[in-house]
Amino acid sequence: MRAPKYTLCVLSFLLAAFLGGWAQAAPAVEVSVGDGPFVRSEAVAPLAGQRVRIRVAEKPGAKVRWVQLVRDVTKMYKNANFPWDPDPYQWVGLADIRVDREPLTRFDGLWEVEPFQTARRAEPGDWTGASLGPIRASEFYHADVGSFWFQAEVEKDGKVERVPAKGLRVSVRDGAGFLGWLSSYLNVPAVFGSLTPQATSFLGVDCADAVSAAHGKWSGRELKENLNVAALVTRLPHVVEFEWGEGGADKAVRWGTDVRPGDFVAVRYAGARAYQHVGALVSDGDGDGLLTPADRVLHAGPLPLAYSRLGSGPFQGHITVLRPESPIVERPISFSPARLKATADYIKTHAGEDRPDGRITPRMVVLHWTGSDSLESDFKTFDKETLAGGRPDISAGGDLNVSAHFLVGKDGRIYRLMPENVMARHVIGLNLEAIGVENVGGVGDRPTLTAAQAATNAWLVRELKERHPAIEYLIGHHEYRKFEGSALWKEKDAGYRTAKSDPGDKFMADVRRRVADLGLKSAP
């Protein structure tokens, strides 16, 4: 359906090398998201409504202007022939995509700007005070969600430097999770037969690359190969199949039971042997609990990514609903009423508070290592409801067993052991404020955690910060005593302390580097 595999591999390699070299040569800007610090970055992905500030260093005697680089969403581009063309799917070469430079005149002379500050906008899309350009006037252009590129022009002595050279990408997500990441591909040109480097760099996508690349961004596992719709249908688990016509499905398909938001919906048109289009289910548009033509879907190709009704999109035919893998595997530990009571008793004894439901509002994430190289052994340890022997260091603190909210294997796989809003016993003095993340490893107090675990921990910290906005600290277990005497510290027993080395300064530095833009603190 696309170019020969060896052709795609060579072109993907060359394009990736080109983009990589481009990125290295590009000057840096500093950007801040929310209340986070300014950091040097070429791309950020805030949630819709979060504050975004961009700045470049002021040069004495220089002038600064800002422009928006607007990519063309008015045209269907192609690397391969469209299905209705002669020689369908034949490779025709990388598309030459139009990019307009639109001055943001109201930011002239400002070294720091907030491009999404609504007070500066007279109407949606009016960023410059001038009439809308042809691209931004398109039905496929979104003014407040999707991807945007900004660039500063610094002029001195007649010379103009464009910073950064390819523009700072701000991919605004219309919500958290996979669907939020998929919405960040709004304003990205439609390129039929797009290549993986185009999709991962937000240069252009088709239907399969849009959902695949967005899932990779969300899961922290970047898309590395070019997948078409047929490949997705082959690789991903099938949830339900049915025929879809003008009136909808030929059988009852229920939200929450058969399908859920974020599922991929792939269609094989009448008379075709292969699946040809895919999108992602968004919501039950008419609220009747059934999959109907009124329900919302987000999809691209050959047109740019857009929200539409399932009944108005090109989905008539045989539909297979696919469910991509979540980065988090649900593997709950035993949590009977007896364990809940022991949790409430622990809170009463150590913090002097009555919380019969064990509920917490997380304000920090604490990273640990287990001291074992066996995920199964670690799970069995946490699964026990009462503290086993061999823990004289903490046995005086009560019979409630130690636990954590998440367990991360050496391969980076994440397992959720218990709800994030229920207290786990994992860090003295801070249990009522903290989500605990245990990492398999650290035998003999040696730093044996893997690069995959560091990457996964960083991804999980981001995910937790989005779900629990009150989180403002990220610490290693060995740093917990920095909080003694602070408002977060809740431990009545002055003699109940342990010495910890996990997960070590090197691991924490690695994770913190990856989430520096969140501005999480390490001490009160």
Protein backbone atom coordinates (compact mmCIF):
# COMPACT_ATOMS: atom_id res chain seq x y z
CA MET A 1 0.00 0.00 0.00
CA ARG A 2 3.05 2.26 0.28
CA ALA A 3 6.57 2.50 -1.06
CA PRO A 4 8.69 -0.67 -1.00
CA LYS A 5 9.96 -1.38 2.51
CA TYR A 6 13.63 -0.80 1.65
CA THR A 7 12.74 2.57 0.10
CA LEU A 8 10.87 3.65 3.21
CA CYS A 9 13.72 2.54 5.46
CA VAL A 10 16.31 4.52 3.48
CA LEU A 11 14.11 7.60 3.25
CA SER A 12 13.20 7.40 6.95
CA PHE A 13 16.90 7.16 7.85
CA LEU A 14 17.84 10.12 5.66
CA LEU A 15 14.96 12.23 6.93
CA ALA A 16 15.76 11.37 10.55
CA ALA A 17 19.41 12.26 10.01
CA PHE A 18 18.41 15.52 8.36
CA LEU A 19 16.02 16.43 11.17
CA GLY A 20 18.59 15.47 13.79
CA GLY A 21 21.24 17.65 12.23
CA TRP A 22 18.75 20.48 11.90
CA ALA A 23 17.86 20.20 15.58
CA GLN A 24 21.51 20.37 16.63
CA ALA A 25 22.11 23.49 14.55
CA ALA A 26 19.00 25.31 15.77
CA PRO A 27 19.51 28.10 18.31
CA ALA A 28 17.68 27.62 21.58
CA VAL A 29 14.84 29.55 23.13
CA GLU A 30 13.60 29.22 26.68
CA VAL A 31 10.04 28.22 27.41
CA SER A 32 7.99 27.88 30.59
CA VAL A 33 4.80 25.83 30.95
CA GLY A 34 2.39 26.47 33.81
CA ASP A 35 4.32 27.48 36.89
CA GLY A 36 7.43 25.62 35.74
CA PRO A 37 10.86 27.18 35.25
CA PHE A 38 12.18 28.43 31.94
CA VAL A 39 14.05 25.62 30.19
CA ARG A 40 15.76 25.30 26.84
CA SER A 41 13.64 23.16 24.57
CA GLU A 42 12.60 22.83 20.95
CA ALA A 43 9.15 21.48 21.80
CA VAL A 44 6.71 21.45 24.73
CA ALA A 45 3.28 19.87 25.11
CA PRO A 46 1.11 21.79 27.59
CA LEU A 47 -2.49 21.05 28.38
CA ALA A 48 -5.04 23.48 26.99
CA GLY A 49 -5.36 26.41 29.36
CA GLN A 50 -1.87 26.13 30.82
CA ARG A 51 0.23 29.27 30.74
CA VAL A 52 2.99 29.23 28.12
CA ARG A 53 5.79 31.81 28.15
CA ILE A 54 8.57 32.04 25.56
CA ARG A 55 11.67 34.20 25.76
CA VAL A 56 15.00 34.86 24.08
CA ALA A 57 17.96 36.60 25.66
CA GLU A 58 17.83 40.33 25.13
CA LYS A 59 20.64 41.77 23.01
CA PRO A 60 21.54 45.41 23.63
CA GLY A 61 20.82 47.55 20.61
CA ALA A 62 18.82 44.80 18.88
CA LYS A 63 15.17 44.62 17.85
CA VAL A 64 12.98 41.58 18.29
CA ARG A 65 9.94 40.45 16.32
CA TRP A 66 7.89 37.28 16.66
CA VAL A 67 6.33 35.21 13.92
CA GLN A 68 4.10 32.16 13.78
CA LEU A 69 5.08 29.48 11.30
CA VAL A 70 1.75 28.21 10.01
CA ARG A 71 1.75 24.84 8.28
CA ASP A 72 -0.70 24.28 5.46
CA VAL A 73 -3.86 22.40 6.45
CA THR A 74 -5.82 23.52 3.39
CA LYS A 75 -4.39 20.87 1.06
CA MET A 76 -4.07 17.07 1.00
CA TYR A 77 -0.36 16.34 0.49
CA LYS A 78 1.00 12.97 -0.52
CA ASN A 79 4.19 10.92 -0.48
CA ALA A 80 2.31 8.17 -2.31
CA ASN A 81 -0.60 8.27 -4.72
CA PHE A 82 -4.05 8.50 -3.20
CA PRO A 83 -6.20 5.34 -3.48
CA TRP A 84 -8.29 6.98 -6.22
CA ASP A 85 -5.26 8.02 -8.27
CA PRO A 86 -3.83 5.99 -11.15
CA ASP A 87 -1.23 3.62 -9.68
CA PRO A 88 -2.69 3.92 -6.14
CA TYR A 89 -0.19 3.85 -3.25
CA GLN A 90 2.80 4.24 -5.59
CA TRP A 91 5.59 6.27 -3.98
CA VAL A 92 5.92 9.76 -5.49
CA GLY A 93 8.50 11.35 -3.17
CA LEU A 94 8.49 13.51 -0.05
CA ALA A 95 5.80 16.17 -0.17
CA ASP A 96 6.86 19.81 -0.30
CA ILE A 97 4.63 21.30 2.40
CA ARG A 98 3.82 24.98 2.41
CA VAL A 99 4.64 26.98 5.54
CA ASP A 100 3.48 30.61 5.92
CA ARG A 101 5.27 33.13 8.11
CA GLU A 102 2.71 35.32 9.86
CA PRO A 103 4.03 38.26 11.94
CA LEU A 104 2.72 38.50 15.49
CA THR A 105 2.85 42.27 15.38
CA ARG A 106 1.46 42.86 18.84
CA PHE A 107 4.56 41.18 20.32
CA ASP A 108 7.03 43.44 18.52
CA GLY A 109 9.77 44.61 20.88
CA LEU A 110 8.95 42.03 23.60
CA TRP A 111 11.73 39.62 24.59
CA GLU A 112 9.26 37.48 26.52
CA VAL A 113 5.80 36.66 25.18
CA GLU A 114 2.73 34.61 26.08
CA PRO A 115 1.33 33.51 22.71
CA PHE A 116 -1.82 31.95 24.18
CA GLN A 117 -2.78 34.86 26.40
CA THR A 118 -6.43 35.23 25.44
CA ALA A 119 -6.59 38.86 26.58
CA ARG A 120 -4.45 39.75 23.57
CA ARG A 121 -6.78 38.10 21.11
CA ALA A 122 -9.82 39.94 19.77
CA GLU A 123 -11.41 36.76 18.43
CA PRO A 124 -10.38 33.12 18.00
CA GLY A 125 -7.50 33.00 15.55
CA ASP A 126 -6.84 36.77 15.57
CA TRP A 127 -3.23 36.84 16.74
CA THR A 128 -1.86 39.67 14.64
CA GLY A 129 -4.64 42.21 14.41
CA ALA A 130 -4.67 41.64 10.64
CA SER A 131 -7.16 39.65 8.60
CA LEU A 132 -6.98 35.88 8.82
CA GLY A 133 -4.55 34.22 6.46
CA PRO A 134 -5.86 31.50 4.17
CA ILE A 135 -4.47 28.70 6.31
CA ARG A 136 -5.82 29.94 9.61
CA ALA A 137 -9.18 30.53 7.97
CA SER A 138 -9.43 26.81 7.18
CA GLU A 139 -11.92 24.61 9.01
CA PHE A 140 -8.98 22.36 9.88
CA TYR A 141 -7.06 25.08 11.73
CA HIS A 142 -7.57 25.37 15.49
CA ALA A 143 -6.54 28.52 17.33
CA ASP A 144 -6.26 27.10 20.85
CA VAL A 145 -5.42 23.40 20.56
CA GLY A 146 -3.03 21.46 18.36
CA SER A 147 0.52 22.26 17.29
CA PHE A 148 1.91 25.76 16.80
CA TRP A 149 5.37 26.95 15.81
CA PHE A 150 6.88 30.24 16.99
CA GLN A 151 10.08 32.00 16.08
CA ALA A 152 11.84 35.16 17.21
CA GLU A 153 13.61 37.39 14.70
CA VAL A 154 16.44 39.27 16.39
CA GLU A 155 17.79 42.08 14.22
CA LYS A 156 20.98 44.02 14.89
CA ASP A 157 23.12 46.04 12.50
CA GLY A 158 21.01 44.90 9.59
CA LYS A 159 21.52 41.21 10.33
CA VAL A 160 18.55 39.01 11.32
CA GLU A 161 18.87 35.84 13.38
CA ARG A 162 15.86 33.54 13.51
CA VAL A 163 15.57 31.77 16.86
CA PRO A 164 15.18 28.82 16.77
CA ALA A 165 15.85 28.10 13.13
CA LYS A 166 12.93 25.70 12.67
CA GLY A 167 10.63 27.30 15.24
CA LEU A 168 9.64 26.33 18.75
CA ARG A 169 6.81 23.79 18.62
CA VAL A 170 4.08 24.15 21.24
CA SER A 171 1.74 21.16 20.98
CA VAL A 172 -1.32 22.05 23.04
CA ARG A 173 -3.27 18.98 24.17
CA ASP A 174 -7.02 18.99 24.53
CA GLY A 175 -6.86 16.86 27.69
CA ALA A 176 -4.58 14.24 29.21
CA GLY A 177 -3.84 10.71 28.03
CA PHE A 178 -3.70 9.29 24.53
CA LEU A 179 -6.58 11.34 23.16
CA GLY A 180 -4.92 14.49 24.45
CA TRP A 181 -1.74 13.61 22.58
CA LEU A 182 -3.74 12.80 19.46
CA SER A 183 -5.37 16.24 19.62
CA SER A 184 -1.88 17.78 19.60
CA TYR A 185 -1.68 16.66 15.94
CA LEU A 186 -4.36 19.18 15.01
CA ASN A 187 -2.83 21.86 12.73
CA VAL A 188 -0.42 19.27 11.32
CA PRO A 189 -0.65 18.86 7.53
CA ALA A 190 -2.21 15.75 6.05
CA VAL A 191 0.40 13.70 4.19
CA PHE A 192 -0.85 10.48 2.63
CA GLY A 193 1.87 7.85 2.99
CA SER A 194 3.66 9.86 5.69
CA LEU A 195 6.94 8.56 7.07
CA THR A 196 7.69 7.92 10.73
CA PRO A 197 10.12 10.88 11.07
CA GLN A 198 7.48 13.17 9.60
CA ALA A 199 4.89 11.94 12.08
CA THR A 200 7.09 12.02 15.18
CA SER A 201 8.30 15.53 14.25
CA PHE A 202 4.74 16.80 13.62
CA LEU A 203 5.55 17.61 10.01
CA GLY A 204 2.75 15.54 8.49
CA VAL A 205 0.57 12.51 9.22
CA ASP A 206 -1.88 10.14 7.63
CA CYS A 207 -4.56 8.20 9.51
CA ALA A 208 -2.37 5.35 10.77
CA ASP A 209 0.63 7.52 11.63
CA ALA A 210 -1.54 10.00 13.54
CA VAL A 211 -2.88 7.41 15.99
CA SER A 212 0.42 5.48 16.16
CA ALA A 213 2.62 8.52 16.73
CA ALA A 214 0.23 9.99 19.30
CA HIS A 215 0.16 6.71 21.19
CA GLY A 216 3.95 6.66 21.16
CA LYS A 217 4.11 10.21 22.53
CA TRP A 218 1.65 9.34 25.29
CA SER A 219 3.23 6.04 26.27
CA GLY A 220 6.80 7.37 26.17
CA ARG A 221 7.68 4.80 23.50
CA GLU A 222 8.34 6.76 20.33
CA LEU A 223 7.08 5.31 17.07
CA LYS A 224 10.02 3.64 15.32
CA GLU A 225 8.48 1.99 12.28
CA ASN A 226 6.07 2.92 9.54
CA LEU A 227 2.76 1.16 10.21
CA ASN A 228 -0.21 1.21 7.89
CA VAL A 229 -3.80 0.41 8.87
CA ALA A 230 -3.49 -3.26 7.95
CA ALA A 231 -0.44 -3.60 10.22
CA LEU A 232 -2.31 -2.05 13.14
CA VAL A 233 -5.18 -4.50 12.65
CA THR A 234 -2.70 -7.38 12.61
CA ARG A 235 -0.75 -6.32 15.70
CA LEU A 236 -3.30 -4.87 18.11
CA PRO A 237 -5.90 -6.79 20.13
CA HIS A 238 -9.38 -6.91 18.57
CA VAL A 239 -12.14 -5.75 20.91
CA VAL A 240 -15.26 -6.10 18.78
CA GLU A 241 -16.17 -6.33 15.07
CA PHE A 242 -19.35 -5.32 13.26
CA GLU A 243 -20.73 -3.97 10.02
CA TRP A 244 -21.30 -0.20 9.90
CA GLY A 245 -23.77 1.41 7.52
CA GLU A 246 -25.74 4.61 7.26
CA GLY A 247 -27.83 3.65 10.29
CA GLY A 248 -24.84 2.62 12.40
CA ALA A 249 -23.75 -0.80 13.64
CA ASP A 250 -25.55 -4.01 12.72
CA LYS A 251 -25.55 -5.01 16.39
CA ALA A 252 -25.55 -3.32 19.79
CA VAL A 253 -22.08 -2.00 20.66
CA ARG A 254 -22.00 -0.51 24.15
CA TRP A 255 -19.75 2.20 25.56
CA GLY A 256 -17.87 1.02 28.63
CA THR A 257 -18.57 -2.64 27.88
CA ASP A 258 -17.51 -3.12 24.25
CA VAL A 259 -15.73 0.14 23.46
CA ARG A 260 -14.20 3.03 25.33
CA PRO A 261 -12.59 6.41 24.53
CA GLY A 262 -9.19 5.98 22.91
CA ASP A 263 -9.99 2.72 21.13
CA PHE A 264 -8.89 2.61 17.50
CA VAL A 265 -11.66 2.05 14.97
CA ALA A 266 -10.42 0.53 11.68
CA VAL A 267 -12.59 0.08 8.59
CA ARG A 268 -12.40 -2.24 5.60
CA TYR A 269 -14.55 -0.85 2.83
CA ALA A 270 -16.99 -3.00 0.87
CA GLY A 271 -15.18 -5.14 -1.68
CA ALA A 272 -11.73 -4.44 -0.21
CA ARG A 273 -9.40 -7.12 1.14
CA ALA A 274 -7.33 -4.83 3.40
CA TYR A 275 -8.27 -2.29 6.05
CA GLN A 276 -7.89 1.23 4.70
CA HIS A 277 -8.76 3.81 7.36
CA VAL A 278 -8.42 4.22 11.13
CA GLY A 279 -9.36 6.80 13.75
CA ALA A 280 -9.84 6.98 17.51
CA LEU A 281 -13.14 6.94 19.37
CA VAL A 282 -13.59 10.05 21.52
CA SER A 283 -16.98 10.06 23.23
CA ASP A 284 -20.60 8.96 23.31
CA GLY A 285 -21.95 11.98 21.45
CA ASP A 286 -25.64 11.45 22.16
CA GLY A 287 -25.19 9.92 25.61
CA ASP A 288 -27.29 6.83 24.92
CA GLY A 289 -24.56 4.35 25.90
CA LEU A 290 -24.49 2.79 22.42
CA LEU A 291 -22.10 3.35 19.52
CA THR A 292 -24.16 5.41 17.07
CA PRO A 293 -23.54 7.77 14.14
CA ALA A 294 -23.71 10.75 16.55
CA ASP A 295 -20.64 9.62 18.51
CA ARG A 296 -17.36 11.50 18.16
CA VAL A 297 -14.18 10.28 16.50
CA LEU A 298 -10.79 11.95 15.90
CA HIS A 299 -9.06 10.95 12.67
CA ALA A 300 -6.84 12.10 9.79
CA GLY A 301 -6.17 11.09 6.21
CA PRO A 302 -6.38 12.02 3.52
CA LEU A 303 -7.68 15.22 5.15
CA PRO A 304 -5.92 16.81 8.16
CA LEU A 305 -6.75 15.55 11.65
CA ALA A 306 -10.22 16.63 12.77
CA TYR A 307 -13.02 15.80 15.16
CA SER A 308 -16.13 14.47 13.44
CA ARG A 309 -19.20 12.35 14.01
CA LEU A 310 -18.75 8.67 13.36
CA GLY A 311 -21.66 8.79 10.95
CA SER A 312 -20.12 11.58 8.86
CA GLY A 313 -16.64 10.12 8.60
CA PRO A 314 -15.46 7.53 6.05
CA PHE A 315 -16.25 4.50 8.24
CA GLN A 316 -18.93 2.62 6.33
CA GLY A 317 -17.88 -1.00 5.93
CA HIS A 318 -16.55 -3.75 8.18
CA ILE A 319 -15.23 -2.20 11.39
CA THR A 320 -12.77 -3.73 13.81
CA VAL A 321 -12.21 -1.93 17.11
CA LEU A 322 -8.61 -2.18 18.35
CA ARG A 323 -7.26 -1.48 21.83
CA PRO A 324 -3.66 -0.26 22.01
CA GLU A 325 -1.62 -1.28 25.00
CA SER A 326 -1.61 1.04 27.98
CA PRO A 327 1.78 1.91 29.51
CA ILE A 328 0.30 0.96 32.89
CA VAL A 329 -0.72 -2.61 33.64
CA GLU A 330 -3.32 -3.03 36.36
CA ARG A 331 -2.09 -5.60 38.92
CA PRO A 332 -3.75 -4.81 42.23
CA ILE A 333 -2.36 -6.14 45.46
CA SER A 334 -4.67 -7.60 48.10
CA PHE A 335 -6.53 -4.82 49.89
CA SER A 336 -9.27 -6.29 52.05
CA PRO A 337 -11.34 -4.41 54.65
CA ALA A 338 -8.82 -5.64 57.21
CA ARG A 339 -5.96 -3.95 55.36
CA LEU A 340 -8.00 -0.77 55.01
CA LYS A 341 -8.63 -0.77 58.76
CA ALA A 342 -4.92 -1.34 59.41
CA THR A 343 -4.21 1.63 57.13
CA ALA A 344 -6.61 3.82 59.09
CA ASP A 345 -5.04 2.62 62.38
CA TYR A 346 -1.56 3.43 61.04
CA ILE A 347 -2.69 6.95 60.12
CA LYS A 348 -4.22 7.45 63.56
CA THR A 349 -1.11 6.19 65.37
CA HIS A 350 1.53 8.01 63.31
CA ALA A 351 -0.26 11.17 62.16
CA GLY A 352 -3.02 11.52 64.75
CA GLU A 353 -5.70 11.85 62.07
CA ASP A 354 -8.97 10.00 61.52
CA ARG A 355 -9.13 8.78 57.92
CA PRO A 356 -11.21 5.59 57.88
CA ASP A 357 -11.10 5.49 54.08
CA GLY A 358 -7.32 5.95 53.97
CA ARG A 359 -7.68 8.75 51.41
CA ILE A 360 -4.82 11.08 50.53
CA THR A 361 -4.34 14.07 48.23
CA PRO A 362 -0.88 13.50 46.73
CA ARG A 363 1.58 16.37 46.84
CA MET A 364 4.73 14.44 45.99
CA VAL A 365 6.10 11.39 44.21
CA VAL A 366 8.69 9.27 46.02
CA LEU A 367 10.91 6.92 44.00
CA HIS A 368 12.35 3.75 45.55
CA TRP A 369 14.16 0.56 44.73
CA THR A 370 13.03 -2.78 46.10
CA GLY A 371 16.40 -4.37 46.92
CA SER A 372 15.45 -7.38 44.80
CA ASP A 373 15.91 -8.38 41.16
CA SER A 374 12.66 -10.34 40.96
CA LEU A 375 9.45 -8.55 40.02
CA GLU A 376 7.37 -11.56 41.03
CA SER A 377 9.03 -11.75 44.42
CA ASP A 378 8.50 -8.03 44.96
CA PHE A 379 4.84 -8.29 44.01
CA LYS A 380 4.32 -11.13 46.48
CA THR A 381 6.00 -9.04 49.17
CA PHE A 382 3.64 -6.11 48.67
CA ASP A 383 0.62 -8.39 48.21
CA LYS A 384 0.78 -9.55 51.84
CA GLU A 385 -1.48 -7.51 54.06
CA THR A 386 0.56 -7.70 57.24
CA LEU A 387 4.26 -7.03 57.75
CA ALA A 388 6.35 -10.17 57.47
CA GLY A 389 9.29 -10.98 59.72
CA GLY A 390 12.75 -9.78 58.92
CA ARG A 391 11.94 -6.05 59.10
CA PRO A 392 13.09 -5.02 62.58
CA ASP A 393 13.79 -1.52 61.28
CA ILE A 394 10.10 -0.77 60.78
CA SER A 395 8.23 -3.45 62.76
CA ALA A 396 7.84 -1.03 65.67
CA GLY A 397 5.73 1.12 63.36
CA GLY A 398 2.88 -1.39 63.23
CA ASP A 399 1.65 -4.52 61.47
CA LEU A 400 0.46 -2.83 58.26
CA ASN A 401 2.55 -4.20 55.41
CA VAL A 402 4.71 -2.00 53.24
CA SER A 403 3.40 -1.26 49.78
CA ALA A 404 3.57 1.24 46.94
CA HIS A 405 1.21 2.54 44.33
CA PHE A 406 3.37 1.45 41.39
CA LEU A 407 5.99 -1.19 40.70
CA VAL A 408 8.36 -0.77 37.73
CA GLY A 409 10.17 -3.75 36.24
CA LYS A 410 13.69 -3.65 34.86
CA ASP A 411 12.23 -3.56 31.35
CA GLY A 412 10.36 -0.36 32.21
CA ARG A 413 6.92 -1.97 32.44
CA ILE A 414 4.69 -0.20 34.98
CA TYR A 415 2.28 -2.06 37.26
CA ARG A 416 -0.35 -0.21 39.29
CA LEU A 417 -0.68 -1.96 42.63
CA MET A 418 -3.28 0.22 44.33
CA PRO A 419 -5.26 3.45 43.85
CA GLU A 420 -3.18 6.61 43.94
CA ASN A 421 -5.54 8.34 46.38
CA VAL A 422 -5.24 5.67 49.09
CA MET A 423 -2.29 5.67 51.50
CA ALA A 424 0.50 3.15 50.99
CA ARG A 425 3.14 2.54 53.66
CA HIS A 426 6.39 3.34 51.88
CA VAL A 427 8.02 6.46 53.37
CA ILE A 428 8.11 7.47 57.03
CA GLY A 429 6.52 10.83 57.77
CA LEU A 430 5.23 11.46 54.24
CA ASN A 431 2.82 8.61 53.52
CA LEU A 432 -0.18 10.94 53.71
CA GLU A 433 1.29 13.18 51.00
CA ALA A 434 3.06 10.78 48.67
CA ILE A 435 2.58 8.42 45.76
CA GLY A 436 5.18 5.65 46.01
CA VAL A 437 6.94 4.18 42.97
CA GLU A 438 9.04 1.06 43.62
CA ASN A 439 11.65 -0.03 41.06
CA VAL A 440 12.84 -3.62 40.86
CA GLY A 441 16.57 -3.59 41.60
CA GLY A 442 19.10 -2.25 44.08
CA VAL A 443 20.25 -5.61 45.43
CA GLY A 444 22.80 -5.07 48.20
CA ASP A 445 22.18 -1.32 48.03
CA ARG A 446 23.91 -1.20 44.65
CA PRO A 447 22.58 1.14 41.94
CA THR A 448 21.35 -1.46 39.44
CA LEU A 449 18.30 0.35 38.07
CA THR A 450 18.12 0.49 34.27
CA ALA A 451 17.87 3.24 31.68
CA ALA A 452 14.42 1.90 30.80
CA GLN A 453 13.35 2.41 34.41
CA ALA A 454 14.63 5.99 34.42
CA ALA A 455 12.69 6.78 31.24
CA THR A 456 9.56 5.08 32.57
CA ASN A 457 9.77 6.82 35.94
CA ALA A 458 10.01 10.18 34.17
CA TRP A 459 6.98 9.33 32.03
CA LEU A 460 5.03 8.23 35.11
CA VAL A 461 5.92 11.40 37.02
CA ARG A 462 4.52 13.46 34.14
CA GLU A 463 1.37 11.37 34.01
CA LEU A 464 0.86 11.66 37.77
CA LYS A 465 1.42 15.42 37.74
CA GLU A 466 -1.31 15.77 35.10
CA ARG A 467 -3.75 13.62 37.06
CA HIS A 468 -2.88 15.18 40.43
CA PRO A 469 -2.09 18.88 39.89
CA ALA A 470 -1.34 19.37 43.61
CA ILE A 471 1.91 17.39 43.21
CA GLU A 472 4.82 19.79 43.65
CA TYR A 473 7.68 17.57 44.89
CA LEU A 474 9.73 14.72 43.42
CA ILE A 475 12.13 12.97 45.78
CA GLY A 476 14.09 9.79 46.22
CA HIS A 477 13.45 7.68 49.32
CA HIS A 478 16.93 8.58 50.58
CA GLU A 479 15.89 12.27 50.64
CA TYR A 480 12.79 11.93 52.82
CA ARG A 481 14.29 13.36 56.03
CA LYS A 482 14.70 16.77 54.38
CA PHE A 483 11.00 17.23 55.11
CA GLU A 484 11.20 16.82 58.89
CA GLY A 485 9.68 19.86 60.54
CA SER A 486 7.82 20.93 57.41
CA ALA A 487 4.04 21.15 57.07
CA LEU A 488 4.08 17.95 55.01
CA TRP A 489 5.81 15.86 57.71
CA LYS A 490 3.35 13.79 59.75
CA GLU A 491 5.08 11.39 62.12
CA LYS A 492 4.38 11.56 65.87
CA ASP A 493 7.08 9.07 66.92
CA ALA A 494 10.34 11.03 67.11
CA GLY A 495 12.35 7.80 67.29
CA TYR A 496 10.82 6.15 64.23
CA ARG A 497 13.32 6.73 61.40
CA THR A 498 15.33 4.60 58.97
CA ALA A 499 18.47 5.22 56.93
CA LYS A 500 17.84 4.85 53.19
CA SER A 501 20.04 4.96 50.09
CA ASP A 502 17.47 4.26 47.39
CA PRO A 503 17.24 5.01 44.55
CA GLY A 504 20.42 7.07 44.68
CA ASP A 505 21.50 10.50 43.50
CA LYS A 506 22.45 9.38 39.98
CA PHE A 507 19.03 7.86 39.25
CA MET A 508 17.23 10.87 40.68
CA ALA A 509 19.37 13.26 38.62
CA ASP A 510 18.49 11.30 35.47
CA VAL A 511 14.75 11.38 36.17
CA ARG A 512 14.80 15.04 37.24
CA ARG A 513 16.63 16.03 34.06
CA ARG A 514 13.85 14.44 32.00
CA VAL A 515 11.08 16.32 33.85
CA ALA A 516 12.89 19.59 34.56
CA ASP A 517 10.19 21.61 32.82
CA LEU A 518 7.64 20.54 35.47
CA GLY A 519 9.49 22.55 38.12
CA LEU A 520 9.06 19.89 40.81
CA LYS A 521 10.94 20.58 44.03
CA SER A 522 13.21 18.21 46.00
CA ALA A 523 12.86 19.84 49.41
CA PRO A 524 10.34 22.06 51.24
